[in-house]
N, C-alpha and C. Protein backbone atom coordinates (compact mmCIF):
# COMPACT_ATOMS: atom_id res chain seq x y z
N MET A 1 6.15 36.85 -32.91
CA MET A 1 6.81 37.12 -34.16
C MET A 1 8.20 37.64 -33.93
N HIS A 2 9.17 37.07 -34.58
CA HIS A 2 10.58 37.49 -34.37
C HIS A 2 10.83 38.82 -35.23
N SER A 3 11.71 39.64 -34.59
CA SER A 3 12.02 40.90 -35.25
C SER A 3 12.63 40.77 -36.66
N HIS A 4 13.42 39.58 -36.80
CA HIS A 4 14.07 39.39 -38.08
C HIS A 4 13.03 39.01 -39.22
N CYS A 5 11.91 38.59 -38.86
CA CYS A 5 10.89 38.19 -39.86
C CYS A 5 10.15 39.44 -40.52
N SER A 6 10.05 40.50 -39.73
CA SER A 6 9.37 41.66 -40.26
C SER A 6 10.36 42.66 -40.95
N ARG A 7 11.66 42.39 -40.86
CA ARG A 7 12.61 43.36 -41.41
C ARG A 7 12.79 43.23 -42.94
N SER A 8 12.79 44.33 -43.56
CA SER A 8 12.97 44.39 -45.09
C SER A 8 14.28 44.91 -45.43
N THR A 9 14.91 44.37 -46.48
CA THR A 9 16.20 44.88 -46.84
C THR A 9 16.01 45.85 -47.98
N ALA A 10 17.08 46.67 -48.29
CA ALA A 10 17.06 47.59 -49.38
C ALA A 10 16.96 46.81 -50.71
N SER A 11 17.67 45.70 -50.81
CA SER A 11 17.57 45.00 -52.09
C SER A 11 16.21 44.44 -52.38
N SER A 12 15.53 44.00 -51.40
CA SER A 12 14.13 43.52 -51.63
C SER A 12 13.20 44.66 -51.99
N THR A 13 13.47 45.80 -51.41
CA THR A 13 12.69 46.96 -51.70
C THR A 13 12.82 47.30 -53.24
N LYS A 14 14.07 47.30 -53.71
CA LYS A 14 14.34 47.65 -55.12
C LYS A 14 13.76 46.55 -55.94
N ALA A 15 13.90 45.17 -55.54
CA ALA A 15 13.38 44.13 -56.37
C ALA A 15 11.85 44.14 -56.46
N GLU A 16 11.23 44.68 -55.36
CA GLU A 16 9.75 44.68 -55.38
C GLU A 16 9.23 45.94 -56.11
N GLY A 17 10.15 46.84 -56.45
CA GLY A 17 9.82 47.99 -57.28
C GLY A 17 8.86 48.96 -56.52
N ARG A 18 9.04 49.13 -55.15
CA ARG A 18 8.17 50.02 -54.39
C ARG A 18 9.10 51.04 -53.67
N VAL A 19 8.52 52.18 -53.30
CA VAL A 19 9.27 53.21 -52.64
C VAL A 19 9.44 52.78 -51.17
N PRO A 20 10.66 52.80 -50.60
CA PRO A 20 10.84 52.45 -49.25
C PRO A 20 10.08 53.36 -48.27
N ALA A 21 9.66 52.74 -47.22
CA ALA A 21 9.01 53.55 -46.13
C ALA A 21 10.13 54.35 -45.49
N PRO A 22 9.69 55.46 -44.87
CA PRO A 22 10.64 56.25 -44.19
C PRO A 22 11.62 55.47 -43.13
N SER A 23 11.03 54.49 -42.56
CA SER A 23 11.88 53.71 -41.64
C SER A 23 12.92 52.85 -42.37
N GLU A 24 12.66 52.57 -43.61
CA GLU A 24 13.51 51.76 -44.47
C GLU A 24 14.51 52.64 -45.25
N ALA A 25 14.19 53.81 -45.38
CA ALA A 25 15.13 54.72 -46.20
C ALA A 25 16.50 54.85 -45.52
N HIS A 26 17.46 55.01 -46.31
CA HIS A 26 18.86 55.19 -45.77
C HIS A 26 18.94 56.61 -45.02
N THR A 27 19.51 56.65 -43.92
CA THR A 27 19.78 57.92 -43.26
C THR A 27 20.99 58.54 -43.88
N PRO A 28 21.00 59.80 -44.10
CA PRO A 28 22.10 60.50 -44.67
C PRO A 28 23.33 60.39 -43.73
N PRO A 29 24.55 60.39 -44.33
CA PRO A 29 25.73 60.24 -43.43
C PRO A 29 25.86 61.52 -42.64
N GLN A 30 26.44 61.30 -41.46
CA GLN A 30 26.77 62.44 -40.58
C GLN A 30 27.84 63.41 -41.28
N VAL A 31 27.53 64.62 -41.20
CA VAL A 31 28.44 65.58 -41.83
C VAL A 31 29.04 66.42 -40.74
N ALA A 32 30.40 66.54 -40.72
CA ALA A 32 31.00 67.32 -39.72
C ALA A 32 30.88 68.82 -40.07
N ALA A 33 30.78 69.68 -39.03
CA ALA A 33 30.62 71.06 -39.26
C ALA A 33 31.91 71.63 -40.06
N LEU A 34 31.61 72.41 -41.07
CA LEU A 34 32.72 73.01 -41.88
C LEU A 34 33.26 74.26 -41.19
N LEU A 35 32.21 74.97 -40.45
CA LEU A 35 32.58 76.20 -39.82
C LEU A 35 32.19 76.02 -38.35
N LEU A 36 33.09 76.67 -37.53
CA LEU A 36 32.81 76.60 -36.02
C LEU A 36 32.81 77.97 -35.50
N THR A 37 32.05 78.13 -34.42
CA THR A 37 32.13 79.46 -33.69
C THR A 37 33.48 79.45 -33.04
N PRO A 38 33.99 80.67 -32.56
CA PRO A 38 35.18 80.75 -31.83
C PRO A 38 35.05 79.87 -30.55
N ALA A 39 33.92 79.87 -29.83
CA ALA A 39 33.78 79.10 -28.64
C ALA A 39 33.87 77.65 -28.85
N GLU A 40 33.31 77.15 -29.99
CA GLU A 40 33.46 75.76 -30.44
C GLU A 40 34.87 75.37 -30.70
N ALA A 41 35.58 76.28 -31.40
CA ALA A 41 37.00 76.04 -31.80
C ALA A 41 37.85 75.93 -30.48
N GLN A 42 37.50 76.75 -29.53
CA GLN A 42 38.29 76.74 -28.27
C GLN A 42 38.14 75.41 -27.61
N VAL A 43 36.89 74.90 -27.61
CA VAL A 43 36.59 73.55 -26.97
C VAL A 43 37.39 72.48 -27.71
N VAL A 44 37.29 72.49 -29.00
CA VAL A 44 37.97 71.51 -29.87
C VAL A 44 39.40 71.44 -29.55
N LEU A 45 40.03 72.66 -29.61
CA LEU A 45 41.48 72.71 -29.33
C LEU A 45 41.87 72.70 -27.84
N ARG A 46 41.00 72.91 -27.05
CA ARG A 46 41.20 72.97 -25.58
C ARG A 46 42.14 74.09 -25.23
N ILE A 47 41.85 75.23 -25.81
CA ILE A 47 42.66 76.48 -25.56
C ILE A 47 41.75 77.59 -25.14
N GLY A 48 42.36 78.59 -24.63
CA GLY A 48 41.58 79.80 -24.20
C GLY A 48 41.28 80.73 -25.29
N LYS A 49 40.49 81.71 -25.01
CA LYS A 49 40.00 82.71 -25.99
C LYS A 49 41.16 83.51 -26.47
N THR A 50 42.04 83.94 -25.56
CA THR A 50 43.29 84.73 -25.99
C THR A 50 44.09 83.99 -26.95
N SER A 51 44.41 82.73 -26.66
CA SER A 51 45.26 81.91 -27.47
C SER A 51 44.59 81.77 -28.92
N LEU A 52 43.30 81.50 -28.92
CA LEU A 52 42.54 81.34 -30.18
C LEU A 52 42.76 82.61 -31.00
N PHE A 53 42.35 83.79 -30.37
CA PHE A 53 42.45 85.01 -31.24
C PHE A 53 43.89 85.44 -31.59
N THR A 54 44.86 84.98 -30.77
CA THR A 54 46.21 85.27 -31.21
C THR A 54 46.56 84.40 -32.48
N MET A 55 46.07 83.19 -32.50
CA MET A 55 46.35 82.30 -33.65
C MET A 55 45.53 82.75 -34.85
N LEU A 56 44.35 83.27 -34.67
CA LEU A 56 43.56 83.82 -35.79
C LEU A 56 44.30 85.12 -36.28
N LYS A 57 44.81 86.00 -35.49
CA LYS A 57 45.48 87.17 -35.94
C LYS A 57 46.72 86.89 -36.67
N SER A 58 47.46 85.89 -36.21
CA SER A 58 48.76 85.49 -36.98
C SER A 58 48.51 84.62 -38.21
N GLY A 59 47.23 84.20 -38.41
CA GLY A 59 46.96 83.43 -39.67
C GLY A 59 47.17 81.98 -39.47
N GLU A 60 47.53 81.46 -38.28
CA GLU A 60 47.78 80.04 -38.05
C GLU A 60 46.35 79.41 -38.17
N ILE A 61 45.20 80.03 -37.86
CA ILE A 61 43.93 79.40 -38.00
C ILE A 61 43.17 80.36 -38.93
N ARG A 62 42.45 79.74 -39.89
CA ARG A 62 41.75 80.66 -40.82
C ARG A 62 40.25 80.75 -40.38
N SER A 63 39.80 81.96 -40.70
CA SER A 63 38.40 82.23 -40.36
C SER A 63 37.74 83.05 -41.47
N ILE A 64 36.40 83.18 -41.39
CA ILE A 64 35.68 84.00 -42.32
C ILE A 64 34.67 84.82 -41.52
N LYS A 65 34.17 85.97 -42.16
CA LYS A 65 33.16 86.76 -41.58
C LYS A 65 31.86 86.47 -42.26
N LEU A 66 30.84 86.18 -41.43
CA LEU A 66 29.46 86.00 -41.86
C LEU A 66 28.62 87.11 -41.27
N GLY A 67 28.44 88.15 -41.98
CA GLY A 67 27.73 89.29 -41.35
C GLY A 67 28.57 89.90 -40.31
N ARG A 68 28.12 89.97 -39.06
CA ARG A 68 28.95 90.39 -37.86
C ARG A 68 29.54 89.27 -37.14
N SER A 69 29.31 88.05 -37.62
CA SER A 69 29.89 86.92 -36.87
C SER A 69 31.18 86.37 -37.51
N ARG A 70 32.02 85.86 -36.68
CA ARG A 70 33.21 85.22 -37.21
C ARG A 70 33.09 83.71 -37.07
N ARG A 71 33.49 82.99 -38.11
CA ARG A 71 33.44 81.53 -38.09
C ARG A 71 34.82 80.99 -38.43
N ILE A 72 35.22 79.95 -37.66
CA ILE A 72 36.55 79.35 -37.84
C ILE A 72 36.36 78.27 -38.87
N VAL A 73 37.31 78.12 -39.79
CA VAL A 73 37.24 77.09 -40.83
C VAL A 73 37.77 75.83 -40.10
N ALA A 74 36.88 74.85 -40.06
CA ALA A 74 37.35 73.55 -39.29
C ALA A 74 38.55 72.88 -39.88
N ALA A 75 38.74 72.89 -41.17
CA ALA A 75 39.86 72.30 -41.80
C ALA A 75 41.16 72.90 -41.29
N SER A 76 41.09 74.17 -40.99
CA SER A 76 42.33 74.86 -40.52
C SER A 76 42.82 74.35 -39.17
N LEU A 77 41.85 73.82 -38.40
CA LEU A 77 42.08 73.25 -37.02
C LEU A 77 42.90 72.03 -37.22
N TYR A 78 42.43 71.16 -38.16
CA TYR A 78 43.21 69.91 -38.44
C TYR A 78 44.54 70.23 -38.97
N GLU A 79 44.68 71.27 -39.82
CA GLU A 79 46.01 71.60 -40.41
C GLU A 79 46.95 72.16 -39.34
N LEU A 80 46.36 72.89 -38.32
CA LEU A 80 47.15 73.44 -37.25
C LEU A 80 47.80 72.36 -36.45
N VAL A 81 46.90 71.31 -36.13
CA VAL A 81 47.31 70.19 -35.26
C VAL A 81 48.39 69.42 -36.02
N ALA A 82 48.15 69.13 -37.36
CA ALA A 82 49.22 68.41 -38.14
C ALA A 82 50.55 69.15 -38.17
N ARG A 83 50.51 70.49 -38.27
CA ARG A 83 51.73 71.29 -38.35
C ARG A 83 52.45 71.19 -37.00
N MET A 84 51.63 71.21 -35.95
CA MET A 84 52.28 71.23 -34.60
C MET A 84 52.88 69.80 -34.34
N ALA A 85 52.11 68.77 -34.79
CA ALA A 85 52.72 67.37 -34.57
C ALA A 85 53.91 67.13 -35.39
N ASP A 86 54.03 67.73 -36.60
CA ASP A 86 55.19 67.59 -37.43
C ASP A 86 56.43 68.31 -36.84
N ALA A 87 56.12 69.44 -36.12
CA ALA A 87 57.23 70.20 -35.57
C ALA A 87 57.66 69.53 -34.30
N GLY A 88 56.85 68.64 -33.83
CA GLY A 88 57.39 67.85 -32.68
C GLY A 88 57.15 68.46 -31.35
């Protein structure tokens, strides 16, 4: 039996009026992390701990506190890189 013979499409599933099997269900899109740990932000930016915390203190990178943990706002890393690229 050929693999294409047993494959079912989403349109045929809807037309048949049945609930798709888990293998047929659409997988959710990958979601990028909104918050990063300081260590993750260091890896993404390829900078050291001192540089990261200097940028946090100056406000160049935004972060939030969650309990005793600090999380870096991922969007602020994109904004930082864009500003640096614009500055040349």
